[in-house]
Amino acid sequence: MVITGRYASPLGGITLASDGTALSGLWFDGQKYFGGTLKGGYVEREVPVFCQVRRWLDKYFSGKAPDFLPPLAMEGASPFRKTVWEILLSIPFGSTLTYGLIAARMQSETGKRVSAQAVGGAVGHNPISVIIPCHRVVGSDGSLTGYAGGLDKKLNLLKLEGADVSGFRFK
């Protein structure tokens, strides 16, 4: 049984999901792929990990880089997606990386050809938005593309982090 909780962010409501020990989902209400890990039923109640997640989110939404990571459960994901999400976790607060650079990094590490489109699919299906910072991935042409929570939220998250968004454009 999946456990859910709520968080009121400055950008709208957020739903949290957990296995009781680690965070397995974090979505802006109504976003694309909302509740992807909520299969099989869920119940809303408090668990200790939600307190850690809310502390992380409070610090983040105050414009500061959190100095800890709550326990994360990347359940049901392929090894490819998990690798992409681990790379996302390495993108510093206030910085961005392109889909193509992530693909090149994966190819360099594995020796297997990886397309930017495949990386985009993994980024788009990230079930733990904000904390696994898929909003920090941009197009190689400077476009803000592919954020399941909406491009307005992606832009606002990058601005909150102090990222230079002057060269970005909506695609």
C-alpha atoms as a PDB file:
ATOM      1  CA  MET A   1       0.000   0.000   0.000  1.00  0.00           C
ATOM      2  CA  VAL A   2       1.332   3.422  -0.988  1.00  0.00           C
ATOM      3  CA  ILE A   3       1.040   6.241   1.547  1.00  0.00           C
ATOM      4  CA  THR A   4       0.331   9.769   0.340  1.00  0.00           C
ATOM      5  CA  GLY A   5       0.669  13.218   1.831  1.00  0.00           C
ATOM      6  CA  ARG A   6       0.307  16.844   0.770  1.00  0.00           C
ATOM      7  CA  TYR A   7       2.482  19.946   0.549  1.00  0.00           C
ATOM      8  CA  ALA A   8       1.361  23.485  -0.281  1.00  0.00           C
ATOM      9  CA  SER A   9       4.082  25.077  -2.408  1.00  0.00           C
ATOM     10  CA  PRO A  10       4.200  28.638  -3.760  1.00  0.00           C
ATOM     11  CA  LEU A  11       3.664  27.096  -7.222  1.00  0.00           C
ATOM     12  CA  GLY A  12       0.639  25.009  -6.252  1.00  0.00           C
ATOM     13  CA  GLY A  13      -0.322  21.855  -4.421  1.00  0.00           C
ATOM     14  CA  ILE A  14       2.055  18.922  -4.347  1.00  0.00           C
ATOM     15  CA  THR A  15       1.204  15.286  -3.685  1.00  0.00           C
ATOM     16  CA  LEU A  16       3.799  13.096  -1.957  1.00  0.00           C
ATOM     17  CA  ALA A  17       3.961   9.287  -2.078  1.00  0.00           C
ATOM     18  CA  SER A  18       5.932   6.858   0.046  1.00  0.00           C
ATOM     19  CA  ASP A  19       6.439   3.177   0.735  1.00  0.00           C
ATOM     20  CA  GLY A  20       6.481   4.124   4.429  1.00  0.00           C
ATOM     21  CA  THR A  21      10.246   4.543   4.545  1.00  0.00           C
ATOM     22  CA  ALA A  22      11.323   6.528   1.475  1.00  0.00           C
ATOM     23  CA  LEU A  23       9.776   9.032  -0.915  1.00  0.00           C
ATOM     24  CA  SER A  24       8.538   7.302  -4.077  1.00  0.00           C
ATOM     25  CA  GLY A  25       6.605  10.157  -5.699  1.00  0.00           C
ATOM     26  CA  LEU A  26       6.310  13.928  -5.722  1.00  0.00           C
ATOM     27  CA  TRP A  27       4.049  15.614  -8.264  1.00  0.00           C
ATOM     28  CA  PHE A  28       2.523  19.016  -8.778  1.00  0.00           C
ATOM     29  CA  ASP A  29      -1.225  18.454  -8.686  1.00  0.00           C
ATOM     30  CA  GLY A  30      -2.538  17.803 -12.176  1.00  0.00           C
ATOM     31  CA  GLN A  31       0.833  17.420 -13.858  1.00  0.00           C
ATOM     32  CA  LYS A  32       1.449  14.987 -16.691  1.00  0.00           C
ATOM     33  CA  TYR A  33       2.081  11.432 -15.412  1.00  0.00           C
ATOM     34  CA  PHE A  34       0.579  12.444 -12.047  1.00  0.00           C
ATOM     35  CA  GLY A  35       0.537   9.543  -9.619  1.00  0.00           C
ATOM     36  CA  GLY A  36       2.566   7.196 -11.777  1.00  0.00           C
ATOM     37  CA  THR A  37       3.663   5.187  -8.732  1.00  0.00           C
ATOM     38  CA  LEU A  38       0.221   5.114  -7.071  1.00  0.00           C
ATOM     39  CA  LYS A  39      -0.850   1.863  -8.671  1.00  0.00           C
ATOM     40  CA  GLY A  40      -2.581  -0.650  -6.420  1.00  0.00           C
ATOM     41  CA  GLY A  41      -4.266   1.797  -4.075  1.00  0.00           C
ATOM     42  CA  TYR A  42      -3.079   4.284  -1.511  1.00  0.00           C
ATOM     43  CA  VAL A  43      -3.982   5.814   1.805  1.00  0.00           C
ATOM     44  CA  GLU A  44      -3.312   9.354   3.015  1.00  0.00           C
ATOM     45  CA  ARG A  45      -1.500   9.532   6.367  1.00  0.00           C
ATOM     46  CA  GLU A  46       1.673  10.854   7.932  1.00  0.00           C
ATOM     47  CA  VAL A  47       4.987   9.005   7.876  1.00  0.00           C
ATOM     48  CA  PRO A  48       8.363  10.319   9.110  1.00  0.00           C
ATOM     49  CA  VAL A  49       9.797  10.657   5.594  1.00  0.00           C
ATOM     50  CA  PHE A  50       7.122  13.257   4.779  1.00  0.00           C
ATOM     51  CA  CYS A  51       8.475  15.477   7.581  1.00  0.00           C
ATOM     52  CA  GLN A  52      11.940  15.255   5.981  1.00  0.00           C
ATOM     53  CA  VAL A  53      10.510  15.992   2.530  1.00  0.00           C
ATOM     54  CA  ARG A  54       8.574  19.009   3.800  1.00  0.00           C
ATOM     55  CA  ARG A  55      11.730  20.343   5.503  1.00  0.00           C
ATOM     56  CA  TRP A  56      13.612  19.889   2.210  1.00  0.00           C
ATOM     57  CA  LEU A  57      10.826  21.634   0.253  1.00  0.00           C
ATOM     58  CA  ASP A  58      10.562  24.491   2.789  1.00  0.00           C
ATOM     59  CA  LYS A  59      14.285  25.187   2.411  1.00  0.00           C
ATOM     60  CA  TYR A  60      14.137  24.829  -1.375  1.00  0.00           C
ATOM     61  CA  PHE A  61      11.157  27.157  -1.803  1.00  0.00           C
ATOM     62  CA  SER A  62      12.884  29.739   0.407  1.00  0.00           C
ATOM     63  CA  GLY A  63      15.503  29.963  -2.368  1.00  0.00           C
ATOM     64  CA  LYS A  64      18.224  27.971  -0.619  1.00  0.00           C
ATOM     65  CA  ALA A  65      19.887  24.753  -1.739  1.00  0.00           C
ATOM     66  CA  PRO A  66      18.913  21.979   0.684  1.00  0.00           C
ATOM     67  CA  ASP A  67      21.972  20.385   2.288  1.00  0.00           C
ATOM     68  CA  PHE A  68      20.404  16.935   2.678  1.00  0.00           C
ATOM     69  CA  LEU A  69      18.413  14.489   0.596  1.00  0.00           C
ATOM     70  CA  PRO A  70      15.438  12.617   2.026  1.00  0.00           C
ATOM     71  CA  PRO A  71      15.433   8.851   1.395  1.00  0.00           C
ATOM     72  CA  LEU A  72      14.273   8.172  -2.170  1.00  0.00           C
ATOM     73  CA  ALA A  73      12.749   5.007  -3.645  1.00  0.00           C
ATOM     74  CA  MET A  74      12.953   4.879  -7.438  1.00  0.00           C
ATOM     75  CA  GLU A  75      10.467   2.010  -7.608  1.00  0.00           C
ATOM     76  CA  GLY A  76       9.631   0.161 -10.786  1.00  0.00           C
ATOM     77  CA  ALA A  77      12.107   2.100 -12.898  1.00  0.00           C
ATOM     78  CA  SER A  78      14.379   0.529 -15.475  1.00  0.00           C
ATOM     79  CA  PRO A  79      18.134   0.672 -14.878  1.00  0.00           C
ATOM     80  CA  PHE A  80      18.314   3.232 -17.720  1.00  0.00           C
ATOM     81  CA  ARG A  81      15.839   5.581 -16.035  1.00  0.00           C
ATOM     82  CA  LYS A  82      17.528   5.172 -12.654  1.00  0.00           C
ATOM     83  CA  THR A  83      20.857   6.117 -14.222  1.00  0.00           C
ATOM     84  CA  VAL A  84      19.341   9.232 -15.793  1.00  0.00           C
ATOM     85  CA  TRP A  85      17.729  10.211 -12.483  1.00  0.00           C
ATOM     86  CA  GLU A  86      21.038   9.748 -10.636  1.00  0.00           C
ATOM     87  CA  ILE A  87      22.639  12.142 -13.132  1.00  0.00           C
ATOM     88  CA  LEU A  88      19.817  14.633 -12.495  1.00  0.00           C
ATOM     89  CA  LEU A  89      20.621  14.484  -8.789  1.00  0.00           C
ATOM     90  CA  SER A  90      24.189  15.575  -9.615  1.00  0.00           C
ATOM     91  CA  ILE A  91      23.130  18.810 -11.389  1.00  0.00           C
ATOM     92  CA  PRO A  92      23.950  21.637  -8.959  1.00  0.00           C
ATOM     93  CA  PHE A  93      21.284  23.996  -7.613  1.00  0.00           C
ATOM     94  CA  GLY A  94      20.922  26.926 -10.031  1.00  0.00           C
ATOM     95  CA  SER A  95      22.585  25.093 -12.935  1.00  0.00           C
ATOM     96  CA  THR A  96      21.248  23.366 -16.021  1.00  0.00           C
ATOM     97  CA  LEU A  97      22.342  20.540 -18.275  1.00  0.00           C
ATOM     98  CA  THR A  98      21.115  19.577 -21.735  1.00  0.00           C
ATOM     99  CA  TYR A  99      19.515  16.286 -22.742  1.00  0.00           C
ATOM    100  CA  GLY A 100      22.373  15.804 -25.203  1.00  0.00           C
ATOM    101  CA  LEU A 101      25.068  16.269 -22.551  1.00  0.00           C
ATOM    102  CA  ILE A 102      23.358  13.726 -20.311  1.00  0.00           C
ATOM    103  CA  ALA A 103      23.241  11.285 -23.241  1.00  0.00           C
ATOM    104  CA  ALA A 104      26.945  11.874 -23.954  1.00  0.00           C
ATOM    105  CA  ARG A 105      27.819  11.326 -20.297  1.00  0.00           C
ATOM    106  CA  MET A 106      25.879   8.057 -20.228  1.00  0.00           C
ATOM    107  CA  GLN A 107      27.540   6.914 -23.463  1.00  0.00           C
ATOM    108  CA  SER A 108      30.956   7.768 -22.034  1.00  0.00           C
ATOM    109  CA  GLU A 109      30.237   5.813 -18.833  1.00  0.00           C
ATOM    110  CA  THR A 110      28.618   2.755 -20.443  1.00  0.00           C
ATOM    111  CA  GLY A 111      30.119   2.616 -23.921  1.00  0.00           C
ATOM    112  CA  LYS A 112      26.577   2.312 -25.319  1.00  0.00           C
ATOM    113  CA  ARG A 113      25.059   4.878 -27.678  1.00  0.00           C
ATOM    114  CA  VAL A 114      22.337   6.879 -25.947  1.00  0.00           C
ATOM    115  CA  SER A 115      20.039   9.357 -27.690  1.00  0.00           C
ATOM    116  CA  ALA A 116      18.948  12.680 -26.273  1.00  0.00           C
ATOM    117  CA  GLN A 117      15.350  11.594 -26.973  1.00  0.00           C
ATOM    118  CA  ALA A 118      15.736   8.491 -24.793  1.00  0.00           C
ATOM    119  CA  VAL A 119      17.126  10.701 -22.032  1.00  0.00           C
ATOM    120  CA  GLY A 120      14.138  13.020 -22.529  1.00  0.00           C
ATOM    121  CA  GLY A 121      11.747  10.108 -22.019  1.00  0.00           C
ATOM    122  CA  ALA A 122      13.435   9.166 -18.756  1.00  0.00           C
ATOM    123  CA  VAL A 123      13.540  12.785 -17.570  1.00  0.00           C
ATOM    124  CA  GLY A 124       9.852  13.251 -18.414  1.00  0.00           C
ATOM    125  CA  HIS A 125       8.820  10.186 -16.413  1.00  0.00           C
ATOM    126  CA  ASN A 126      10.718  11.169 -13.263  1.00  0.00           C
ATOM    127  CA  PRO A 127       8.227  10.447 -10.451  1.00  0.00           C
ATOM    128  CA  ILE A 128      10.003  12.602  -7.853  1.00  0.00           C
ATOM    129  CA  SER A 129       9.780  16.110  -9.294  1.00  0.00           C
ATOM    130  CA  VAL A 130      11.765  19.003  -7.831  1.00  0.00           C
ATOM    131  CA  ILE A 131      13.897  16.800  -5.536  1.00  0.00           C
ATOM    132  CA  ILE A 132      15.173  14.819  -8.542  1.00  0.00           C
ATOM    133  CA  PRO A 133      15.605  18.064 -10.494  1.00  0.00           C
ATOM    134  CA  CYS A 134      14.274  17.286 -13.962  1.00  0.00           C
ATOM    135  CA  HIS A 135      13.478  21.003 -14.296  1.00  0.00           C
ATOM    136  CA  ARG A 136      17.247  21.621 -14.648  1.00  0.00           C
ATOM    137  CA  VAL A 137      17.380  19.860 -18.015  1.00  0.00           C
ATOM    138  CA  VAL A 138      17.015  22.071 -21.092  1.00  0.00           C
ATOM    139  CA  GLY A 139      17.270  21.755 -24.854  1.00  0.00           C
ATOM    140  CA  SER A 140      20.647  22.201 -26.533  1.00  0.00           C
ATOM    141  CA  ASP A 141      19.212  25.160 -28.445  1.00  0.00           C
ATOM    142  CA  GLY A 142      18.366  27.008 -25.216  1.00  0.00           C
ATOM    143  CA  SER A 143      14.737  25.977 -25.198  1.00  0.00           C
ATOM    144  CA  LEU A 144      12.747  25.157 -22.092  1.00  0.00           C
ATOM    145  CA  THR A 145      11.110  21.929 -23.133  1.00  0.00           C
ATOM    146  CA  GLY A 146       9.554  18.877 -21.622  1.00  0.00           C
ATOM    147  CA  TYR A 147       8.552  19.578 -18.030  1.00  0.00           C
ATOM    148  CA  ALA A 148       5.618  17.421 -16.893  1.00  0.00           C
ATOM    149  CA  GLY A 149       4.624  20.069 -14.336  1.00  0.00           C
ATOM    150  CA  GLY A 150       4.347  22.716 -17.054  1.00  0.00           C
ATOM    151  CA  LEU A 151       6.875  25.088 -18.574  1.00  0.00           C
ATOM    152  CA  ASP A 152       5.714  27.948 -16.339  1.00  0.00           C
ATOM    153  CA  LYS A 153       6.675  25.912 -13.266  1.00  0.00           C
ATOM    154  CA  LYS A 154      10.002  24.888 -14.838  1.00  0.00           C
ATOM    155  CA  LEU A 155      10.863  28.539 -15.465  1.00  0.00           C
ATOM    156  CA  ASN A 156       9.778  29.545 -11.945  1.00  0.00           C
ATOM    157  CA  LEU A 157      11.846  26.758 -10.348  1.00  0.00           C
ATOM    158  CA  LEU A 158      14.938  27.828 -12.298  1.00  0.00           C
ATOM    159  CA  LYS A 159      14.370  31.482 -11.333  1.00  0.00           C
ATOM    160  CA  LEU A 160      13.915  30.470  -7.685  1.00  0.00           C
ATOM    161  CA  GLU A 161      17.327  28.777  -7.850  1.00  0.00           C
ATOM    162  CA  GLY A 162      18.911  31.908  -9.306  1.00  0.00           C
ATOM    163  CA  ALA A 163      19.683  30.257 -12.648  1.00  0.00           C
ATOM    164  CA  ASP A 164      20.410  32.569 -15.552  1.00  0.00           C
ATOM    165  CA  VAL A 165      17.246  32.168 -17.611  1.00  0.00           C
ATOM    166  CA  SER A 166      17.840  35.145 -19.900  1.00  0.00           C
ATOM    167  CA  GLY A 167      18.869  32.981 -22.859  1.00  0.00           C
ATOM    168  CA  PHE A 168      16.081  30.420 -22.541  1.00  0.00           C
ATOM    169  CA  ARG A 169      13.032  30.379 -24.726  1.00  0.00           C
ATOM    170  CA  PHE A 170       9.829  28.385 -24.740  1.00  0.00           C
ATOM    171  CA  LYS A 171       9.488  25.753 -27.411  1.00  0.00           C
END
